[in-house]
PDB file of N, CA and C in Angstrom:
ATOM      1  N   UNK A   1       8.972  25.359  -9.697  1.00  0.00           N
ATOM      2  CA  UNK A   1       8.808  24.099 -10.370  1.00  0.00           C
ATOM      3  C   UNK A   1       9.377  22.947  -9.548  1.00  0.00           C
ATOM      4  N   UNK A   2      10.286  23.251  -8.640  1.00  0.00           N
ATOM      5  CA  UNK A   2      10.894  22.180  -7.849  1.00  0.00           C
ATOM      6  C   UNK A   2       9.896  21.570  -6.867  1.00  0.00           C
ATOM      7  N   UNK A   3       8.873  22.332  -6.492  1.00  0.00           N
ATOM      8  CA  UNK A   3       7.880  21.777  -5.573  1.00  0.00           C
ATOM      9  C   UNK A   3       7.093  20.656  -6.258  1.00  0.00           C
ATOM     10  N   UNK A   4       6.821  20.817  -7.558  1.00  0.00           N
ATOM     11  CA  UNK A   4       6.095  19.775  -8.279  1.00  0.00           C
ATOM     12  C   UNK A   4       6.952  18.524  -8.453  1.00  0.00           C
ATOM     13  N   UNK A   5       8.228  18.715  -8.678  1.00  0.00           N
ATOM     14  CA  UNK A   5       9.108  17.556  -8.819  1.00  0.00           C
ATOM     15  C   UNK A   5       9.278  16.841  -7.483  1.00  0.00           C
ATOM     16  N   UNK A   6       9.276  17.580  -6.380  1.00  0.00           N
ATOM     17  CA  UNK A   6       9.373  16.920  -5.072  1.00  0.00           C
ATOM     18  C   UNK A   6       8.078  16.195  -4.718  1.00  0.00           C
ATOM     19  N   UNK A   7       6.930  16.752  -5.107  1.00  0.00           N
ATOM     20  CA  UNK A   7       5.651  16.071  -4.892  1.00  0.00           C
ATOM     21  C   UNK A   7       5.591  14.804  -5.741  1.00  0.00           C
ATOM     22  N   UNK A   8       6.024  14.907  -6.991  1.00  0.00           N
ATOM     23  CA  UNK A   8       6.045  13.737  -7.877  1.00  0.00           C
ATOM     24  C   UNK A   8       6.968  12.656  -7.320  1.00  0.00           C
ATOM     25  N   UNK A   9       8.132  13.054  -6.835  1.00  0.00           N
ATOM     26  CA  UNK A   9       9.074  12.085  -6.267  1.00  0.00           C
ATOM     27  C   UNK A   9       8.490  11.439  -5.010  1.00  0.00           C
ATOM     28  N   UNK A  10       7.763  12.192  -4.217  1.00  0.00           N
ATOM     29  CA  UNK A  10       7.134  11.630  -3.019  1.00  0.00           C
ATOM     30  C   UNK A  10       6.054  10.624  -3.353  1.00  0.00           C
ATOM     31  N   UNK A  11       5.222  10.953  -4.318  1.00  0.00           N
ATOM     32  CA  UNK A  11       4.158  10.028  -4.728  1.00  0.00           C
ATOM     33  C   UNK A  11       4.756   8.790  -5.381  1.00  0.00           C
ATOM     34  N   UNK A  12       5.786   8.986  -6.197  1.00  0.00           N
ATOM     35  CA  UNK A  12       6.452   7.850  -6.834  1.00  0.00           C
ATOM     36  C   UNK A  12       7.086   6.955  -5.776  1.00  0.00           C
ATOM     37  N   UNK A  13       7.612   7.551  -4.713  1.00  0.00           N
ATOM     38  CA  UNK A  13       8.215   6.773  -3.637  1.00  0.00           C
ATOM     39  C   UNK A  13       7.213   5.915  -2.890  1.00  0.00           C
ATOM     40  N   UNK A  14       5.963   6.327  -2.856  1.00  0.00           N
ATOM     41  CA  UNK A  14       4.929   5.516  -2.207  1.00  0.00           C
ATOM     42  C   UNK A  14       4.686   4.202  -2.941  1.00  0.00           C
ATOM     43  N   UNK A  15       4.787   4.249  -4.255  1.00  0.00           N
ATOM     44  CA  UNK A  15       4.436   3.090  -5.071  1.00  0.00           C
ATOM     45  C   UNK A  15       5.627   2.243  -5.493  1.00  0.00           C
ATOM     46  N   UNK A  16       6.852   2.652  -5.149  1.00  0.00           N
ATOM     47  CA  UNK A  16       8.026   1.887  -5.556  1.00  0.00           C
ATOM     48  C   UNK A  16       8.630   1.165  -4.367  1.00  0.00           C
ATOM     49  N   UNK A  17       9.280   0.047  -4.659  1.00  0.00           N
ATOM     50  CA  UNK A  17       9.942  -0.704  -3.600  1.00  0.00           C
ATOM     51  C   UNK A  17      11.359  -0.173  -3.405  1.00  0.00           C
ATOM     52  N   UNK A  18      12.149  -0.875  -2.607  1.00  0.00           N
ATOM     53  CA  UNK A  18      13.485  -0.392  -2.277  1.00  0.00           C
ATOM     54  C   UNK A  18      14.434  -0.424  -3.466  1.00  0.00           C
ATOM     55  N   UNK A  19      14.094  -1.142  -4.522  1.00  0.00           N
ATOM     56  CA  UNK A  19      14.917  -1.181  -5.723  1.00  0.00           C
ATOM     57  C   UNK A  19      14.505  -0.129  -6.748  1.00  0.00           C
ATOM     58  N   UNK A  20      13.452   0.633  -6.478  1.00  0.00           N
ATOM     59  CA  UNK A  20      12.973   1.649  -7.401  1.00  0.00           C
ATOM     60  C   UNK A  20      11.989   1.142  -8.430  1.00  0.00           C
ATOM     61  N   UNK A  21      11.524  -0.090  -8.280  1.00  0.00           N
ATOM     62  CA  UNK A  21      10.564  -0.696  -9.210  1.00  0.00           C
ATOM     63  C   UNK A  21       9.153  -0.504  -8.645  1.00  0.00           C
ATOM     64  N   UNK A  22       8.207  -0.192  -9.528  1.00  0.00           N
ATOM     65  CA  UNK A  22       6.824  -0.015  -9.082  1.00  0.00           C
ATOM     66  C   UNK A  22       6.298  -1.345  -8.550  1.00  0.00           C
ATOM     67  N   UNK A  23       5.748  -1.313  -7.341  1.00  0.00           N
ATOM     68  CA  UNK A  23       5.266  -2.515  -6.679  1.00  0.00           C
ATOM     69  C   UNK A  23       3.751  -2.603  -6.814  1.00  0.00           C
ATOM     70  N   UNK A  24       3.284  -3.698  -7.390  1.00  0.00           N
ATOM     71  CA  UNK A  24       1.839  -3.870  -7.555  1.00  0.00           C
ATOM     72  C   UNK A  24       1.157  -4.067  -6.204  1.00  0.00           C
ATOM     73  N   UNK A  25       1.849  -4.681  -5.249  1.00  0.00           N
ATOM     74  CA  UNK A  25       1.257  -4.872  -3.922  1.00  0.00           C
ATOM     75  C   UNK A  25       1.009  -3.526  -3.245  1.00  0.00           C
ATOM     76  N   UNK A  26       1.969  -2.626  -3.352  1.00  0.00           N
ATOM     77  CA  UNK A  26       1.783  -1.304  -2.757  1.00  0.00           C
ATOM     78  C   UNK A  26       0.675  -0.541  -3.459  1.00  0.00           C
ATOM     79  N   UNK A  27       0.639  -0.635  -4.792  1.00  0.00           N
ATOM     80  CA  UNK A  27      -0.398   0.063  -5.545  1.00  0.00           C
ATOM     81  C   UNK A  27      -1.789  -0.427  -5.142  1.00  0.00           C
ATOM     82  N   UNK A  28      -1.967  -1.744  -5.118  1.00  0.00           N
ATOM     83  CA  UNK A  28      -3.269  -2.318  -4.761  1.00  0.00           C
ATOM     84  C   UNK A  28      -3.613  -1.983  -3.312  1.00  0.00           C
ATOM     85  N   UNK A  29      -2.652  -2.074  -2.412  1.00  0.00           N
ATOM     86  CA  UNK A  29      -2.903  -1.769  -1.007  1.00  0.00           C
ATOM     87  C   UNK A  29      -3.304  -0.328  -0.778  1.00  0.00           C
ATOM     88  N   UNK A  30      -2.607   0.590  -1.420  1.00  0.00           N
ATOM     89  CA  UNK A  30      -2.934   2.015  -1.254  1.00  0.00           C
ATOM     90  C   UNK A  30      -4.270   2.342  -1.893  1.00  0.00           C
ATOM     91  N   UNK A  31      -4.554   1.758  -3.050  1.00  0.00           N
ATOM     92  CA  UNK A  31      -5.848   2.015  -3.693  1.00  0.00           C
ATOM     93  C   UNK A  31      -6.998   1.436  -2.871  1.00  0.00           C
ATOM     94  N   UNK A  32      -6.806   0.243  -2.300  1.00  0.00           N
ATOM     95  CA  UNK A  32      -7.854  -0.344  -1.453  1.00  0.00           C
ATOM     96  C   UNK A  32      -8.077   0.506  -0.204  1.00  0.00           C
ATOM     97  N   UNK A  33      -7.006   0.959   0.403  1.00  0.00           N
ATOM     98  CA  UNK A  33      -7.140   1.798   1.595  1.00  0.00           C
ATOM     99  C   UNK A  33      -7.835   3.113   1.260  1.00  0.00           C
ATOM    100  N   UNK A  34      -7.511   3.701   0.112  1.00  0.00           N
ATOM    101  CA  UNK A  34      -8.162   4.947  -0.308  1.00  0.00           C
ATOM    102  C   UNK A  34      -9.647   4.727  -0.565  1.00  0.00           C
ATOM    103  N   UNK A  35      -9.980   3.671  -1.292  1.00  0.00           N
ATOM    104  CA  UNK A  35     -11.387   3.387  -1.574  1.00  0.00           C
ATOM    105  C   UNK A  35     -12.158   3.065  -0.297  1.00  0.00           C
ATOM    106  N   UNK A  36     -11.512   2.395   0.634  1.00  0.00           N
ATOM    107  CA  UNK A  36     -12.163   2.088   1.904  1.00  0.00           C
ATOM    108  C   UNK A  36     -12.463   3.369   2.685  1.00  0.00           C
ATOM    109  N   UNK A  37     -11.524   4.301   2.690  1.00  0.00           N
ATOM    110  CA  UNK A  37     -11.754   5.578   3.374  1.00  0.00           C
ATOM    111  C   UNK A  37     -12.864   6.381   2.703  1.00  0.00           C
ATOM    112  N   UNK A  38     -12.876   6.393   1.374  1.00  0.00           N
ATOM    113  CA  UNK A  38     -13.930   7.113   0.651  1.00  0.00           C
ATOM    114  C   UNK A  38     -15.288   6.474   0.921  1.00  0.00           C
ATOM    115  N   UNK A  39     -15.341   5.142   0.927  1.00  0.00           N
ATOM    116  CA  UNK A  39     -16.596   4.446   1.190  1.00  0.00           C
ATOM    117  C   UNK A  39     -17.101   4.729   2.598  1.00  0.00           C
ATOM    118  N   UNK A  40     -16.210   4.701   3.563  1.00  0.00           N
ATOM    119  CA  UNK A  40     -16.620   4.975   4.947  1.00  0.00           C
ATOM    120  C   UNK A  40     -17.101   6.413   5.109  1.00  0.00           C
ATOM    121  N   UNK A  41     -16.424   7.355   4.451  1.00  0.00           N
ATOM    122  CA  UNK A  41     -16.847   8.752   4.518  1.00  0.00           C
ATOM    123  C   UNK A  41     -18.220   8.928   3.881  1.00  0.00           C
ATOM    124  N   UNK A  42     -18.402   8.338   2.703  1.00  0.00           N
ATOM    125  CA  UNK A  42     -19.697   8.438   2.012  1.00  0.00           C
ATOM    126  C   UNK A  42     -20.794   7.737   2.822  1.00  0.00           C
ATOM    127  N   UNK A  43     -20.454   6.629   3.433  1.00  0.00           N
ATOM    128  CA  UNK A  43     -21.422   5.848   4.201  1.00  0.00           C
ATOM    129  C   UNK A  43     -21.892   6.613   5.443  1.00  0.00           C
ATOM    130  N   UNK A  44     -21.063   7.505   5.964  1.00  0.00           N
ATOM    131  CA  UNK A  44     -21.468   8.249   7.157  1.00  0.00           C
ATOM    132  C   UNK A  44     -22.576   9.259   6.853  1.00  0.00           C
ATOM    133  N   UNK A  45     -22.735   9.650   5.586  1.00  0.00           N
ATOM    134  CA  UNK A  45     -23.778  10.610   5.211  1.00  0.00           C
ATOM    135  C   UNK A  45     -24.949   9.976   4.476  1.00  0.00           C
ATOM    136  N   UNK A  46     -24.906   8.687   4.244  1.00  0.00           N
ATOM    137  CA  UNK A  46     -25.982   8.033   3.504  1.00  0.00           C
ATOM    138  C   UNK A  46     -26.880   7.246   4.458  1.00  0.00           C
ATOM    139  N   UNK A  47     -28.109   6.978   4.038  1.00  0.00           N
ATOM    140  CA  UNK A  47     -28.997   6.183   4.886  1.00  0.00           C
ATOM    141  C   UNK A  47     -28.509   4.741   5.022  1.00  0.00           C
ATOM    142  N   UNK A  48     -28.972   4.081   6.041  1.00  0.00           N
ATOM    143  CA  UNK A  48     -28.493   2.735   6.355  1.00  0.00           C
ATOM    144  C   UNK A  48     -28.856   1.716   5.284  1.00  0.00           C
ATOM    145  N   UNK A  49     -29.929   1.955   4.533  1.00  0.00           N
ATOM    146  CA  UNK A  49     -30.348   0.967   3.532  1.00  0.00           C
ATOM    147  C   UNK A  49     -29.474   0.973   2.270  1.00  0.00           C
ATOM    148  N   UNK A  50     -28.640   1.981   2.076  1.00  0.00           N
ATOM    149  CA  UNK A  50     -27.713   1.988   0.934  1.00  0.00           C
ATOM    150  C   UNK A  50     -26.274   1.713   1.370  1.00  0.00           C
ATOM    151  N   UNK A  51     -26.106   1.243   2.581  1.00  0.00           N
ATOM    152  CA  UNK A  51     -24.764   0.928   3.082  1.00  0.00           C
ATOM    153  C   UNK A  51     -24.215  -0.293   2.352  1.00  0.00           C
ATOM    154  N   UNK A  52     -22.895  -0.304   2.117  1.00  0.00           N
ATOM    155  CA  UNK A  52     -22.308  -1.480   1.469  1.00  0.00           C
ATOM    156  C   UNK A  52     -22.326  -2.684   2.401  1.00  0.00           C
ATOM    157  N   UNK A  53     -22.202  -3.830   1.828  1.00  0.00           N
ATOM    158  CA  UNK A  53     -22.201  -5.067   2.592  1.00  0.00           C
ATOM    159  C   UNK A  53     -21.029  -5.086   3.572  1.00  0.00           C
ATOM    160  N   UNK A  54     -21.290  -5.556   4.769  1.00  0.00           N
ATOM    161  CA  UNK A  54     -20.244  -5.642   5.785  1.00  0.00           C
ATOM    162  C   UNK A  54     -19.138  -6.589   5.349  1.00  0.00           C
ATOM    163  N   UNK A  55     -19.510  -7.674   4.703  1.00  0.00           N
ATOM    164  CA  UNK A  55     -18.518  -8.643   4.229  1.00  0.00           C
ATOM    165  C   UNK A  55     -17.622  -8.008   3.159  1.00  0.00           C
ATOM    166  N   UNK A  56     -18.203  -7.200   2.290  1.00  0.00           N
ATOM    167  CA  UNK A  56     -17.429  -6.538   1.252  1.00  0.00           C
ATOM    168  C   UNK A  56     -16.435  -5.544   1.847  1.00  0.00           C
ATOM    169  N   UNK A  57     -16.869  -4.782   2.815  1.00  0.00           N
ATOM    170  CA  UNK A  57     -15.984  -3.824   3.474  1.00  0.00           C
ATOM    171  C   UNK A  57     -14.851  -4.556   4.188  1.00  0.00           C
ATOM    172  N   UNK A  58     -15.168  -5.653   4.865  1.00  0.00           N
ATOM    173  CA  UNK A  58     -14.133  -6.434   5.541  1.00  0.00           C
ATOM    174  C   UNK A  58     -13.138  -7.034   4.551  1.00  0.00           C
ATOM    175  N   UNK A  59     -13.628  -7.478   3.404  1.00  0.00           N
ATOM    176  CA  UNK A  59     -12.747  -8.064   2.388  1.00  0.00           C
ATOM    177  C   UNK A  59     -11.784  -7.019   1.825  1.00  0.00           C
ATOM    178  N   UNK A  60     -12.282  -5.822   1.557  1.00  0.00           N
ATOM    179  CA  UNK A  60     -11.416  -4.759   1.048  1.00  0.00           C
ATOM    180  C   UNK A  60     -10.394  -4.355   2.115  1.00  0.00           C
ATOM    181  N   UNK A  61     -10.818  -4.300   3.357  1.00  0.00           N
ATOM    182  CA  UNK A  61      -9.884  -3.960   4.440  1.00  0.00           C
ATOM    183  C   UNK A  61      -8.803  -5.024   4.586  1.00  0.00           C
ATOM    184  N   UNK A  62      -9.174  -6.280   4.527  1.00  0.00           N
ATOM    185  CA  UNK A  62      -8.179  -7.354   4.618  1.00  0.00           C
ATOM    186  C   UNK A  62      -7.231  -7.340   3.428  1.00  0.00           C
ATOM    187  N   UNK A  63      -7.746  -7.049   2.248  1.00  0.00           N
ATOM    188  CA  UNK A  63      -6.896  -6.961   1.068  1.00  0.00           C
ATOM    189  C   UNK A  63      -5.890  -5.814   1.204  1.00  0.00           C
ATOM    190  N   UNK A  64      -6.357  -4.670   1.667  1.00  0.00           N
ATOM    191  CA  UNK A  64      -5.462  -3.520   1.845  1.00  0.00           C
ATOM    192  C   UNK A  64      -4.394  -3.817   2.887  1.00  0.00           C
ATOM    193  N   UNK A  65      -4.788  -4.331   4.039  1.00  0.00           N
ATOM    194  CA  UNK A  65      -3.818  -4.621   5.091  1.00  0.00           C
ATOM    195  C   UNK A  65      -2.879  -5.746   4.676  1.00  0.00           C
ATOM    196  N   UNK A  66      -3.400  -6.730   3.950  1.00  0.00           N
ATOM    197  CA  UNK A  66      -2.555  -7.827   3.483  1.00  0.00           C
ATOM    198  C   UNK A  66      -1.521  -7.366   2.476  1.00  0.00           C
ATOM    199  N   UNK A  67      -1.945  -6.560   1.512  1.00  0.00           N
ATOM    200  CA  UNK A  67      -0.997  -6.067   0.493  1.00  0.00           C
ATOM    201  C   UNK A  67       0.079  -5.189   1.110  1.00  0.00           C
ATOM    202  N   UNK A  68      -0.323  -4.284   1.971  1.00  0.00           N
ATOM    203  CA  UNK A  68       0.670  -3.401   2.581  1.00  0.00           C
ATOM    204  C   UNK A  68       1.555  -4.156   3.559  1.00  0.00           C
ATOM    205  N   UNK A  69       1.008  -5.157   4.220  1.00  0.00           N
ATOM    206  CA  UNK A  69       1.809  -5.969   5.131  1.00  0.00           C
ATOM    207  C   UNK A  69       2.814  -6.821   4.388  1.00  0.00           C
ATOM    208  N   UNK A  70       2.408  -7.376   3.239  1.00  0.00           N
ATOM    209  CA  UNK A  70       3.337  -8.168   2.433  1.00  0.00           C
ATOM    210  C   UNK A  70       4.448  -7.302   1.861  1.00  0.00           C
ATOM    211  N   UNK A  71       4.149  -6.064   1.541  1.00  0.00           N
ATOM    212  CA  UNK A  71       5.193  -5.158   1.067  1.00  0.00           C
ATOM    213  C   UNK A  71       6.213  -4.900   2.167  1.00  0.00           C
ATOM    214  N   UNK A  72       5.754  -4.811   3.392  1.00  0.00           N
ATOM    215  CA  UNK A  72       6.670  -4.594   4.518  1.00  0.00           C
ATOM    216  C   UNK A  72       7.550  -5.812   4.738  1.00  0.00           C
ATOM    217  N   UNK A  73       6.974  -6.991   4.654  1.00  0.00           N
ATOM    218  CA  UNK A  73       7.740  -8.225   4.852  1.00  0.00           C
ATOM    219  C   UNK A  73       8.802  -8.366   3.769  1.00  0.00           C
ATOM    220  N   UNK A  74       8.441  -8.043   2.520  1.00  0.00           N
ATOM    221  CA  UNK A  74       9.407  -8.122   1.427  1.00  0.00           C
ATOM    222  C   UNK A  74      10.585  -7.182   1.663  1.00  0.00           C
ATOM    223  N   UNK A  75      10.317  -6.039   2.221  1.00  0.00           N
ATOM    224  CA  UNK A  75      11.395  -5.079   2.477  1.00  0.00           C
ATOM    225  C   UNK A  75      12.399  -5.652   3.467  1.00  0.00           C
ATOM    226  N   UNK A  76      11.925  -6.277   4.528  1.00  0.00           N
ATOM    227  CA  UNK A  76      12.833  -6.809   5.546  1.00  0.00           C
ATOM    228  C   UNK A  76      13.537  -8.073   5.067  1.00  0.00           C
ATOM    229  N   UNK A  77      12.864  -8.925   4.327  1.00  0.00           N
ATOM    230  CA  UNK A  77      13.519 -10.139   3.848  1.00  0.00           C
ATOM    231  C   UNK A  77      14.565  -9.809   2.793  1.00  0.00           C
ATOM    232  N   UNK A  78      14.334  -8.784   1.990  1.00  0.00           N
ATOM    233  CA  UNK A  78      15.313  -8.375   0.998  1.00  0.00           C
ATOM    234  C   UNK A  78      16.556  -7.807   1.679  1.00  0.00           C
ATOM    235  N   UNK A  79      16.382  -7.064   2.768  1.00  0.00           N
ATOM    236  CA  UNK A  79      17.514  -6.515   3.499  1.00  0.00           C
ATOM    237  C   UNK A  79      18.342  -7.638   4.116  1.00  0.00           C
ATOM    238  N   UNK A  80      17.687  -8.635   4.693  1.00  0.00           N
ATOM    239  CA  UNK A  80      18.412  -9.757   5.267  1.00  0.00           C
ATOM    240  C   UNK A  80      19.187 -10.514   4.200  1.00  0.00           C
ATOM    241  N   UNK A  81      18.593 -10.632   3.010  1.00  0.00           N
ATOM    242  CA  UNK A  81      19.257 -11.332   1.915  1.00  0.00           C
ATOM    243  C   UNK A  81      20.502 -10.574   1.466  1.00  0.00           C
ATOM    244  N   UNK A  82      20.420  -9.239   1.406  1.00  0.00           N
ATOM    245  CA  UNK A  82      21.579  -8.437   1.013  1.00  0.00           C
ATOM    246  C   UNK A  82      22.699  -8.558   2.045  1.00  0.00           C
ATOM    247  N   UNK A  83      22.349  -8.560   3.323  1.00  0.00           N
ATOM    248  CA  UNK A  83      23.362  -8.688   4.374  1.00  0.00           C
ATOM    249  C   UNK A  83      24.003 -10.054   4.299  1.00  0.00           C
ATOM    250  N   UNK A  84      23.220 -11.080   4.068  1.00  0.00           N
ATOM    251  CA  UNK A  84      23.742 -12.429   3.977  1.00  0.00           C
ATOM    252  C   UNK A  84      24.681 -12.554   2.782  1.00  0.00           C
ATOM    253  N   UNK A  85      24.305 -11.987   1.636  1.00  0.00           N
ATOM    254  CA  UNK A  85      25.148 -12.029   0.454  1.00  0.00           C
ATOM    255  C   UNK A  85      26.453 -11.256   0.661  1.00  0.00           C
ATOM    256  N   UNK A  86      26.374 -10.117   1.339  1.00  0.00           N
ATOM    257  CA  UNK A  86      27.561  -9.300   1.571  1.00  0.00           C
ATOM    258  C   UNK A  86      28.540 -10.005   2.515  1.00  0.00           C
ATOM    259  N   UNK A  87      28.022 -10.676   3.532  1.00  0.00           N
ATOM    260  CA  UNK A  87      28.911 -11.352   4.478  1.00  0.00           C
ATOM    261  C   UNK A  87      29.466 -12.638   3.901  1.00  0.00           C
ATOM    262  N   UNK A  88      28.765 -13.301   3.000  1.00  0.00           N
ATOM    263  CA  UNK A  88      29.257 -14.543   2.427  1.00  0.00           C
ATOM    264  C   UNK A  88      30.331 -14.293   1.379  1.00  0.00           C
ATOM    265  N   UNK A  89      30.402 -13.105   0.805  1.00  0.00           N
ATOM    266  CA  UNK A  89      31.407 -12.798  -0.196  1.00  0.00           C
ATOM    267  C   UNK A  89      32.760 -12.518   0.426  1.00  0.00           C
ATOM    268  N   UNK A  90      32.809 -12.166   1.671  1.00  0.00           N
ATOM    269  CA  UNK A  90      34.073 -11.820   2.327  1.00  0.00           C
ATOM    270  C   UNK A  90      34.851 -12.996   2.749  1.00  0.00           C
TER     271      UNK A  90
END
């Protein structure tokens, strides 16, 4: 049973920020990246006339990279803020 709890903790860790709160940016970014991969895989086996719009694929890719990139920036700015607060209290 511990393997299921470790898998659950790993998946939960993907969607939570450094404070343990579920991050909507991470959720949206991971879901966009997953849907983009599924679309590309499906598109490789389908005829060219049923391919999704190039603009739509680019928009989903930019949304995924933007959301995941903003989550990364928040992580570093929060760390700098904690260091600044810790040094100012001394």
